[in-house]
Amino acid sequence: MVNETPQVMTIAGTDSSGGAGMTADLNTFAAHGIYGANVVVSVTAQNTLGVQHVHMLPPDMVMAQLQSVADDLAIRAVKTGMLGDAATVKTVAQGLQQFNFGPLILDPVMVAKGGAQLLSDEAVATVRTTLMPLATLITPNIPEAEVLTGLTIQSPSDIMAAADRLHSFGTKNILIKGGHGNARVVTDYVRLENGEHFWLQTTRFDTPRTHGTGDTISAAITAQLGLGVTLKTAIMHAKAYVDATIRDGIAVGHGHGPLNHFPKVTPENQPEVYDEI
């Protein structure tokens, strides 16, 4: 089709408060001027205070959605969010192998803000063996990187060691996010398959409006890949975009409020790049 609108896809769960999960992904896609398809794997009852209930859809329904999208849309890139259990992880991996959805951005949602592990050990192992080898990029935060690698991460050298181990599981490119700490500066680590690696730093905003941050950065990278930019450029843009969404966060709810997915990105939002820290 001539001049067909670029299309990307999210495979994730819903958020009844509208701040995270699939809602954050679709808002991020829209903010980038790209069309977003969605495959629902779970329905959650949650708000800015936490998650109250999760209902997983059966694997055959997940596969049916993947089939429907593959039959009709020209997906250029895809991301995964919270997948919930081992059966869903296996189904998604099967669908991604069966259909050509382009580069996979794997957001391994598996640790709650309070530190509780959201995925069983079986599901984590299934992510390692079935999804990580398919992923173009994996985007864990530090707690998620610890779960995936079995390492304790307390220093920059620990982060680099974790990236090495993640790479050994088959993922080509790694972005380890450092936003879960309390330091004045947020430091992320990027390792690319061409051997390039670097650190990205932005100033931390003192705000409770951070609900859906991880979903948003992986969705922004997916959107940028759908628009045809390189992975490094996509990561740099996504960091600046997320910085702006946090800066302009929305006053909603009584807990961790949502981001503003339609911010004005300024030069001040661009991350500083360092070869070492």
C-alpha atoms as a PDB file:
ATOM      1  CA  MET A   1       0.000   0.000   0.000  1.00  0.00           C
ATOM      2  CA  VAL A   2       1.391   3.421  -0.982  1.00  0.00           C
ATOM      3  CA  ASN A   3       2.187   5.752   1.928  1.00  0.00           C
ATOM      4  CA  GLU A   4       0.833   3.274   4.476  1.00  0.00           C
ATOM      5  CA  THR A   5       0.977   4.576   8.043  1.00  0.00           C
ATOM      6  CA  PRO A   6       3.814   2.927  10.020  1.00  0.00           C
ATOM      7  CA  GLN A   7       2.497   0.318  12.456  1.00  0.00           C
ATOM      8  CA  VAL A   8       3.936  -1.162  15.646  1.00  0.00           C
ATOM      9  CA  MET A   9       2.498  -3.425  18.331  1.00  0.00           C
ATOM     10  CA  THR A  10       2.457  -3.966  22.082  1.00  0.00           C
ATOM     11  CA  ILE A  11       1.882  -7.305  23.796  1.00  0.00           C
ATOM     12  CA  ALA A  12       0.971  -6.518  27.385  1.00  0.00           C
ATOM     13  CA  GLY A  13      -1.721  -6.132  30.025  1.00  0.00           C
ATOM     14  CA  THR A  14      -4.262  -3.419  30.691  1.00  0.00           C
ATOM     15  CA  ASP A  15      -4.122  -0.848  33.502  1.00  0.00           C
ATOM     16  CA  SER A  16      -7.510   0.315  34.767  1.00  0.00           C
ATOM     17  CA  SER A  17      -5.994   3.595  35.977  1.00  0.00           C
ATOM     18  CA  GLY A  18      -4.638   4.323  32.492  1.00  0.00           C
ATOM     19  CA  GLY A  19      -1.064   5.067  33.494  1.00  0.00           C
ATOM     20  CA  ALA A  20       0.932   1.964  32.672  1.00  0.00           C
ATOM     21  CA  GLY A  21       0.829  -1.202  30.607  1.00  0.00           C
ATOM     22  CA  MET A  22      -0.878  -1.177  27.258  1.00  0.00           C
ATOM     23  CA  THR A  23      -2.399   2.275  27.793  1.00  0.00           C
ATOM     24  CA  ALA A  24       1.032   3.830  28.282  1.00  0.00           C
ATOM     25  CA  ASP A  25       2.300   1.994  25.210  1.00  0.00           C
ATOM     26  CA  LEU A  26      -0.526   3.149  22.940  1.00  0.00           C
ATOM     27  CA  ASN A  27      -0.284   6.740  24.190  1.00  0.00           C
ATOM     28  CA  THR A  28       3.442   6.676  23.504  1.00  0.00           C
ATOM     29  CA  PHE A  29       2.898   5.324  19.999  1.00  0.00           C
ATOM     30  CA  ALA A  30       0.330   8.062  19.327  1.00  0.00           C
ATOM     31  CA  ALA A  31       2.711  10.725  20.631  1.00  0.00           C
ATOM     32  CA  HIS A  32       5.224   9.576  18.018  1.00  0.00           C
ATOM     33  CA  GLY A  33       2.698   9.700  15.190  1.00  0.00           C
ATOM     34  CA  ILE A  34       2.703   5.947  14.670  1.00  0.00           C
ATOM     35  CA  TYR A  35      -0.200   3.494  14.650  1.00  0.00           C
ATOM     36  CA  GLY A  36      -0.329   1.026  17.528  1.00  0.00           C
ATOM     37  CA  ALA A  37      -1.849  -2.450  17.548  1.00  0.00           C
ATOM     38  CA  ASN A  38      -2.267  -4.348  20.798  1.00  0.00           C
ATOM     39  CA  VAL A  39      -2.422  -7.941  21.980  1.00  0.00           C
ATOM     40  CA  VAL A  40      -3.944  -8.218  25.458  1.00  0.00           C
ATOM     41  CA  VAL A  41      -2.484 -10.933  27.698  1.00  0.00           C
ATOM     42  CA  SER A  42      -3.993  -9.819  31.012  1.00  0.00           C
ATOM     43  CA  VAL A  43      -6.596  -7.526  32.517  1.00  0.00           C
ATOM     44  CA  THR A  44      -5.550  -5.848  35.756  1.00  0.00           C
ATOM     45  CA  ALA A  45      -7.399  -4.003  38.468  1.00  0.00           C
ATOM     46  CA  GLN A  46      -4.873  -1.373  39.494  1.00  0.00           C
ATOM     47  CA  ASN A  47      -4.451   2.288  40.284  1.00  0.00           C
ATOM     48  CA  THR A  48      -1.696   4.663  41.316  1.00  0.00           C
ATOM     49  CA  LEU A  49      -1.536   2.927  44.720  1.00  0.00           C
ATOM     50  CA  GLY A  50      -0.847  -0.573  43.415  1.00  0.00           C
ATOM     51  CA  VAL A  51      -2.176  -3.677  41.699  1.00  0.00           C
ATOM     52  CA  GLN A  52      -5.271  -5.202  43.271  1.00  0.00           C
ATOM     53  CA  HIS A  53      -6.054  -8.094  40.904  1.00  0.00           C
ATOM     54  CA  VAL A  54      -4.740  -9.714  37.729  1.00  0.00           C
ATOM     55  CA  HIS A  55      -6.737 -11.906  35.350  1.00  0.00           C
ATOM     56  CA  MET A  56      -4.705 -13.752  32.722  1.00  0.00           C
ATOM     57  CA  LEU A  57      -6.252 -14.453  29.328  1.00  0.00           C
ATOM     58  CA  PRO A  58      -5.946 -18.057  28.104  1.00  0.00           C
ATOM     59  CA  PRO A  59      -3.028 -18.769  25.756  1.00  0.00           C
ATOM     60  CA  ASP A  60      -5.309 -19.641  22.831  1.00  0.00           C
ATOM     61  CA  MET A  61      -6.858 -16.169  23.008  1.00  0.00           C
ATOM     62  CA  VAL A  62      -3.405 -14.582  23.047  1.00  0.00           C
ATOM     63  CA  MET A  63      -2.392 -16.599  19.985  1.00  0.00           C
ATOM     64  CA  ALA A  64      -5.658 -15.723  18.220  1.00  0.00           C
ATOM     65  CA  GLN A  65      -4.900 -12.018  18.663  1.00  0.00           C
ATOM     66  CA  LEU A  66      -1.379 -12.470  17.300  1.00  0.00           C
ATOM     67  CA  GLN A  67      -2.814 -14.304  14.297  1.00  0.00           C
ATOM     68  CA  SER A  68      -5.380 -11.559  13.648  1.00  0.00           C
ATOM     69  CA  VAL A  69      -2.751  -8.838  13.676  1.00  0.00           C
ATOM     70  CA  ALA A  70      -0.399 -10.865  11.470  1.00  0.00           C
ATOM     71  CA  ASP A  71      -3.167 -11.529   8.940  1.00  0.00           C
ATOM     72  CA  ASP A  72      -3.922  -7.864   8.342  1.00  0.00           C
ATOM     73  CA  LEU A  73      -1.339  -5.385   9.623  1.00  0.00           C
ATOM     74  CA  ALA A  74       2.238  -4.643   8.549  1.00  0.00           C
ATOM     75  CA  ILE A  75       3.924  -4.454  11.943  1.00  0.00           C
ATOM     76  CA  ARG A  76       7.394  -2.897  11.824  1.00  0.00           C
ATOM     77  CA  ALA A  77       8.391  -3.437  15.474  1.00  0.00           C
ATOM     78  CA  VAL A  78       6.900  -5.035  18.576  1.00  0.00           C
ATOM     79  CA  LYS A  79       7.354  -4.764  22.325  1.00  0.00           C
ATOM     80  CA  THR A  80       6.332  -6.954  25.210  1.00  0.00           C
ATOM     81  CA  GLY A  81       5.359  -5.816  28.689  1.00  0.00           C
ATOM     82  CA  MET A  82       4.130  -7.804  31.674  1.00  0.00           C
ATOM     83  CA  LEU A  83       3.393 -11.336  30.443  1.00  0.00           C
ATOM     84  CA  GLY A  84       2.306 -12.820  33.757  1.00  0.00           C
ATOM     85  CA  ASP A  85       3.099 -16.528  33.608  1.00  0.00           C
ATOM     86  CA  ALA A  86       5.153 -19.180  31.842  1.00  0.00           C
ATOM     87  CA  ALA A  87       2.305 -20.340  29.595  1.00  0.00           C
ATOM     88  CA  THR A  88       1.812 -16.828  28.235  1.00  0.00           C
ATOM     89  CA  VAL A  89       5.545 -16.335  27.729  1.00  0.00           C
ATOM     90  CA  LYS A  90       5.710 -19.577  25.717  1.00  0.00           C
ATOM     91  CA  THR A  91       2.689 -18.591  23.625  1.00  0.00           C
ATOM     92  CA  VAL A  92       4.082 -15.145  22.854  1.00  0.00           C
ATOM     93  CA  ALA A  93       7.463 -16.620  21.913  1.00  0.00           C
ATOM     94  CA  GLN A  94       5.746 -19.103  19.605  1.00  0.00           C
ATOM     95  CA  GLY A  95       3.778 -16.324  17.928  1.00  0.00           C
ATOM     96  CA  LEU A  96       6.843 -14.131  17.494  1.00  0.00           C
ATOM     97  CA  GLN A  97       8.674 -17.016  15.828  1.00  0.00           C
ATOM     98  CA  GLN A  98       5.702 -17.814  13.600  1.00  0.00           C
ATOM     99  CA  PHE A  99       4.932 -14.281  12.431  1.00  0.00           C
ATOM    100  CA  ASN A 100       7.251 -11.537  11.186  1.00  0.00           C
ATOM    101  CA  PHE A 101       6.611  -8.549  13.431  1.00  0.00           C
ATOM    102  CA  GLY A 102      10.054  -6.973  13.050  1.00  0.00           C
ATOM    103  CA  PRO A 103      12.464  -6.113  15.886  1.00  0.00           C
ATOM    104  CA  LEU A 104      11.405  -7.206  19.389  1.00  0.00           C
ATOM    105  CA  ILE A 105      11.855  -4.867  22.346  1.00  0.00           C
ATOM    106  CA  LEU A 106      11.633  -7.039  25.464  1.00  0.00           C
ATOM    107  CA  ASP A 107      10.567  -5.134  28.581  1.00  0.00           C
ATOM    108  CA  PRO A 108      10.889  -7.887  31.222  1.00  0.00           C
ATOM    109  CA  VAL A 109       8.304  -6.626  33.703  1.00  0.00           C
ATOM    110  CA  MET A 110       8.842  -8.908  36.693  1.00  0.00           C
ATOM    111  CA  VAL A 111       9.488  -6.836  39.834  1.00  0.00           C
ATOM    112  CA  ALA A 112       6.942  -4.547  41.540  1.00  0.00           C
ATOM    113  CA  LYS A 113       7.889  -1.077  42.789  1.00  0.00           C
ATOM    114  CA  GLY A 114       7.982  -2.486  46.322  1.00  0.00           C
ATOM    115  CA  GLY A 115      10.489  -5.159  45.286  1.00  0.00           C
ATOM    116  CA  ALA A 116       8.170  -8.181  45.101  1.00  0.00           C
ATOM    117  CA  GLN A 117       8.829 -10.587  42.224  1.00  0.00           C
ATOM    118  CA  LEU A 118       5.821 -10.612  39.862  1.00  0.00           C
ATOM    119  CA  LEU A 119       6.825 -13.676  37.849  1.00  0.00           C
ATOM    120  CA  SER A 120       7.401 -17.200  39.119  1.00  0.00           C
ATOM    121  CA  ASP A 121      10.863 -18.702  38.814  1.00  0.00           C
ATOM    122  CA  GLU A 122       9.483 -20.927  36.034  1.00  0.00           C
ATOM    123  CA  ALA A 123       8.254 -17.899  34.097  1.00  0.00           C
ATOM    124  CA  VAL A 124      11.583 -16.096  34.539  1.00  0.00           C
ATOM    125  CA  ALA A 125      13.428 -19.150  33.226  1.00  0.00           C
ATOM    126  CA  THR A 126      11.039 -19.287  30.272  1.00  0.00           C
ATOM    127  CA  VAL A 127      11.760 -15.635  29.459  1.00  0.00           C
ATOM    128  CA  ARG A 128      15.479 -16.462  29.425  1.00  0.00           C
ATOM    129  CA  THR A 129      15.171 -19.479  27.147  1.00  0.00           C
ATOM    130  CA  THR A 130      12.373 -18.463  24.754  1.00  0.00           C
ATOM    131  CA  LEU A 131      12.124 -14.666  24.517  1.00  0.00           C
ATOM    132  CA  MET A 132      15.609 -13.353  25.185  1.00  0.00           C
ATOM    133  CA  PRO A 133      17.136 -15.102  22.144  1.00  0.00           C
ATOM    134  CA  LEU A 134      14.453 -13.447  19.975  1.00  0.00           C
ATOM    135  CA  ALA A 135      14.901  -9.934  21.358  1.00  0.00           C
ATOM    136  CA  THR A 136      16.636  -7.125  19.519  1.00  0.00           C
ATOM    137  CA  LEU A 137      16.828  -5.201  22.806  1.00  0.00           C
ATOM    138  CA  ILE A 138      16.043  -6.006  26.434  1.00  0.00           C
ATOM    139  CA  THR A 139      15.258  -3.133  28.833  1.00  0.00           C
ATOM    140  CA  PRO A 140      15.407  -4.349  32.459  1.00  0.00           C
ATOM    141  CA  ASN A 141      15.725  -2.061  35.431  1.00  0.00           C
ATOM    142  CA  ILE A 142      18.318  -3.072  38.018  1.00  0.00           C
ATOM    143  CA  PRO A 143      15.986  -5.292  40.125  1.00  0.00           C
ATOM    144  CA  GLU A 144      14.847  -7.080  36.949  1.00  0.00           C
ATOM    145  CA  ALA A 145      18.435  -7.502  35.770  1.00  0.00           C
ATOM    146  CA  GLU A 146      19.244  -9.077  39.148  1.00  0.00           C
ATOM    147  CA  VAL A 147      16.377 -11.570  38.796  1.00  0.00           C
ATOM    148  CA  LEU A 148      17.331 -12.475  35.221  1.00  0.00           C
ATOM    149  CA  THR A 149      21.049 -12.885  35.915  1.00  0.00           C
ATOM    150  CA  GLY A 150      21.129 -14.037  39.537  1.00  0.00           C
ATOM    151  CA  LEU A 151      23.702 -11.321  40.250  1.00  0.00           C
ATOM    152  CA  THR A 152      23.673  -8.638  42.943  1.00  0.00           C
ATOM    153  CA  ILE A 153      24.084  -5.203  41.367  1.00  0.00           C
ATOM    154  CA  GLN A 154      25.613  -2.482  43.530  1.00  0.00           C
ATOM    155  CA  SER A 155      28.177  -0.764  41.300  1.00  0.00           C
ATOM    156  CA  PRO A 156      28.878   0.194  37.680  1.00  0.00           C
ATOM    157  CA  SER A 157      31.082  -2.884  37.285  1.00  0.00           C
ATOM    158  CA  ASP A 158      28.195  -5.043  38.528  1.00  0.00           C
ATOM    159  CA  ILE A 159      25.934  -3.498  35.888  1.00  0.00           C
ATOM    160  CA  MET A 160      28.447  -4.278  33.153  1.00  0.00           C
ATOM    161  CA  ALA A 161      28.778  -7.858  34.419  1.00  0.00           C
ATOM    162  CA  ALA A 162      24.987  -8.203  34.360  1.00  0.00           C
ATOM    163  CA  ALA A 163      24.925  -6.933  30.775  1.00  0.00           C
ATOM    164  CA  ASP A 164      27.516  -9.557  29.838  1.00  0.00           C
ATOM    165  CA  ARG A 165      25.370 -12.294  31.340  1.00  0.00           C
ATOM    166  CA  LEU A 166      22.204 -11.017  29.663  1.00  0.00           C
ATOM    167  CA  HIS A 167      24.072 -11.040  26.368  1.00  0.00           C
ATOM    168  CA  SER A 168      25.088 -14.663  26.999  1.00  0.00           C
ATOM    169  CA  PHE A 169      21.379 -15.586  27.043  1.00  0.00           C
ATOM    170  CA  GLY A 170      21.115 -14.513  23.411  1.00  0.00           C
ATOM    171  CA  THR A 171      19.860 -10.920  23.499  1.00  0.00           C
ATOM    172  CA  LYS A 172      21.779  -8.770  21.038  1.00  0.00           C
ATOM    173  CA  ASN A 173      21.461  -5.373  22.734  1.00  0.00           C
ATOM    174  CA  ILE A 174      20.953  -4.393  26.373  1.00  0.00           C
ATOM    175  CA  LEU A 175      19.653  -1.287  28.141  1.00  0.00           C
ATOM    176  CA  ILE A 176      19.872  -1.545  31.944  1.00  0.00           C
ATOM    177  CA  LYS A 177      17.865   1.254  33.537  1.00  0.00           C
ATOM    178  CA  GLY A 178      19.024   2.877  36.764  1.00  0.00           C
ATOM    179  CA  GLY A 179      15.922   4.848  37.654  1.00  0.00           C
ATOM    180  CA  HIS A 180      14.941   2.745  40.685  1.00  0.00           C
ATOM    181  CA  GLY A 181      17.625   4.271  42.909  1.00  0.00           C
ATOM    182  CA  ASN A 182      17.556   7.525  44.855  1.00  0.00           C
ATOM    183  CA  ALA A 183      20.648   9.205  43.433  1.00  0.00           C
ATOM    184  CA  ARG A 184      20.382  12.759  42.130  1.00  0.00           C
ATOM    185  CA  VAL A 185      21.380  11.510  38.685  1.00  0.00           C
ATOM    186  CA  VAL A 186      19.676   8.643  36.831  1.00  0.00           C
ATOM    187  CA  THR A 187      22.297   6.460  35.144  1.00  0.00           C
ATOM    188  CA  ASP A 188      21.493   3.871  32.457  1.00  0.00           C
ATOM    189  CA  TYR A 189      23.888   1.489  30.733  1.00  0.00           C
ATOM    190  CA  VAL A 190      23.709   0.561  27.046  1.00  0.00           C
ATOM    191  CA  ARG A 191      25.546  -2.315  25.377  1.00  0.00           C
ATOM    192  CA  LEU A 192      25.089  -2.744  21.611  1.00  0.00           C
ATOM    193  CA  GLU A 193      25.805  -5.795  19.478  1.00  0.00           C
ATOM    194  CA  ASN A 194      28.496  -3.927  17.514  1.00  0.00           C
ATOM    195  CA  GLY A 195      30.591  -3.774  20.698  1.00  0.00           C
ATOM    196  CA  GLU A 196      29.748  -0.170  21.530  1.00  0.00           C
ATOM    197  CA  HIS A 197      28.784   0.525  25.128  1.00  0.00           C
ATOM    198  CA  PHE A 198      28.122   3.735  27.026  1.00  0.00           C
ATOM    199  CA  TRP A 199      26.349   5.336  29.976  1.00  0.00           C
ATOM    200  CA  LEU A 200      23.424   7.760  29.786  1.00  0.00           C
ATOM    201  CA  GLN A 201      22.731  10.231  32.576  1.00  0.00           C
ATOM    202  CA  THR A 202      19.810  12.556  33.256  1.00  0.00           C
ATOM    203  CA  THR A 203      18.918  14.601  36.319  1.00  0.00           C
ATOM    204  CA  ARG A 204      16.315  12.946  38.530  1.00  0.00           C
ATOM    205  CA  PHE A 205      13.030  14.814  39.003  1.00  0.00           C
ATOM    206  CA  ASP A 206      11.697  14.896  42.569  1.00  0.00           C
ATOM    207  CA  THR A 207       8.187  13.745  41.703  1.00  0.00           C
ATOM    208  CA  PRO A 208       5.788  10.900  42.559  1.00  0.00           C
ATOM    209  CA  ARG A 209       4.509  10.903  38.956  1.00  0.00           C
ATOM    210  CA  THR A 210       6.491   7.982  37.597  1.00  0.00           C
ATOM    211  CA  HIS A 211       3.799   5.335  36.986  1.00  0.00           C
ATOM    212  CA  GLY A 212       4.489   3.547  33.700  1.00  0.00           C
ATOM    213  CA  THR A 213       8.013   4.854  33.146  1.00  0.00           C
ATOM    214  CA  GLY A 214       9.456   1.486  32.088  1.00  0.00           C
ATOM    215  CA  ASP A 215       6.561   0.784  29.738  1.00  0.00           C
ATOM    216  CA  THR A 216       6.956   4.211  28.195  1.00  0.00           C
ATOM    217  CA  ILE A 217      10.665   4.033  27.407  1.00  0.00           C
ATOM    218  CA  SER A 218      10.350   0.606  25.755  1.00  0.00           C
ATOM    219  CA  ALA A 219       7.322   1.832  23.794  1.00  0.00           C
ATOM    220  CA  ALA A 220       9.203   4.944  22.666  1.00  0.00           C
ATOM    221  CA  ILE A 221      12.087   2.803  21.412  1.00  0.00           C
ATOM    222  CA  THR A 222       9.603   0.566  19.584  1.00  0.00           C
ATOM    223  CA  ALA A 223       7.923   3.577  17.988  1.00  0.00           C
ATOM    224  CA  GLN A 224      11.236   4.991  16.826  1.00  0.00           C
ATOM    225  CA  LEU A 225      12.264   1.673  15.278  1.00  0.00           C
ATOM    226  CA  GLY A 226       8.904   1.601  13.515  1.00  0.00           C
ATOM    227  CA  LEU A 227       9.744   5.002  12.074  1.00  0.00           C
ATOM    228  CA  GLY A 228      12.996   3.627  10.692  1.00  0.00           C
ATOM    229  CA  VAL A 229      15.743   5.079  12.877  1.00  0.00           C
ATOM    230  CA  THR A 230      18.740   3.143  14.195  1.00  0.00           C
ATOM    231  CA  LEU A 231      18.553   1.447  17.582  1.00  0.00           C
ATOM    232  CA  LYS A 232      21.090   3.815  19.154  1.00  0.00           C
ATOM    233  CA  THR A 233      19.150   6.841  17.923  1.00  0.00           C
ATOM    234  CA  ALA A 234      15.918   5.263  19.168  1.00  0.00           C
ATOM    235  CA  ILE A 235      17.366   4.768  22.655  1.00  0.00           C
ATOM    236  CA  MET A 236      18.699   8.331  22.820  1.00  0.00           C
ATOM    237  CA  HIS A 237      15.371   9.766  21.704  1.00  0.00           C
ATOM    238  CA  ALA A 238      13.422   7.559  24.120  1.00  0.00           C
ATOM    239  CA  LYS A 239      15.523   8.731  27.064  1.00  0.00           C
ATOM    240  CA  ALA A 240      14.853  12.382  26.216  1.00  0.00           C
ATOM    241  CA  TYR A 241      11.156  11.697  25.641  1.00  0.00           C
ATOM    242  CA  VAL A 242      10.697   9.867  28.955  1.00  0.00           C
ATOM    243  CA  ASP A 243      12.584  12.601  30.791  1.00  0.00           C
ATOM    244  CA  ALA A 244      10.054  15.097  29.413  1.00  0.00           C
ATOM    245  CA  THR A 245       7.058  12.885  30.269  1.00  0.00           C
ATOM    246  CA  ILE A 246       8.217  12.713  33.892  1.00  0.00           C
ATOM    247  CA  ARG A 247       8.881  16.451  34.030  1.00  0.00           C
ATOM    248  CA  ASP A 248       5.325  17.115  32.815  1.00  0.00           C
ATOM    249  CA  GLY A 249       3.700  14.318  34.867  1.00  0.00           C
ATOM    250  CA  ILE A 250      -0.043  14.495  35.512  1.00  0.00           C
ATOM    251  CA  ALA A 251      -1.641  15.052  38.929  1.00  0.00           C
ATOM    252  CA  VAL A 252      -3.915  11.994  39.075  1.00  0.00           C
ATOM    253  CA  GLY A 253      -4.571   9.647  41.998  1.00  0.00           C
ATOM    254  CA  HIS A 254      -3.091   9.385  45.475  1.00  0.00           C
ATOM    255  CA  GLY A 255       0.040   7.344  44.760  1.00  0.00           C
ATOM    256  CA  HIS A 256       2.547   7.126  41.913  1.00  0.00           C
ATOM    257  CA  GLY A 257       0.832   9.330  39.344  1.00  0.00           C
ATOM    258  CA  PRO A 258       1.044   8.903  35.556  1.00  0.00           C
ATOM    259  CA  LEU A 259       3.323  10.541  33.037  1.00  0.00           C
ATOM    260  CA  ASN A 260       2.282  13.074  30.427  1.00  0.00           C
ATOM    261  CA  HIS A 261       2.753  11.130  27.200  1.00  0.00           C
ATOM    262  CA  PHE A 262       2.389  14.249  25.061  1.00  0.00           C
ATOM    263  CA  PRO A 263       5.145  16.505  26.443  1.00  0.00           C
ATOM    264  CA  LYS A 264       7.320  19.095  24.780  1.00  0.00           C
ATOM    265  CA  VAL A 265      10.787  17.569  24.484  1.00  0.00           C
ATOM    266  CA  THR A 266      13.505  20.216  24.854  1.00  0.00           C
ATOM    267  CA  PRO A 267      17.314  20.100  24.609  1.00  0.00           C
ATOM    268  CA  GLU A 268      17.424  20.009  28.419  1.00  0.00           C
ATOM    269  CA  ASN A 269      15.865  16.536  28.293  1.00  0.00           C
ATOM    270  CA  GLN A 270      18.713  15.062  26.235  1.00  0.00           C
ATOM    271  CA  PRO A 271      20.861  12.621  28.248  1.00  0.00           C
ATOM    272  CA  GLU A 272      24.575  13.112  28.801  1.00  0.00           C
ATOM    273  CA  VAL A 273      26.655  10.324  27.249  1.00  0.00           C
ATOM    274  CA  TYR A 274      29.765   8.880  28.938  1.00  0.00           C
ATOM    275  CA  ASP A 275      32.127   6.078  27.942  1.00  0.00           C
ATOM    276  CA  GLU A 276      32.717   5.285  31.619  1.00  0.00           C
ATOM    277  CA  ILE A 277      31.612   6.501  35.046  1.00  0.00           C
END
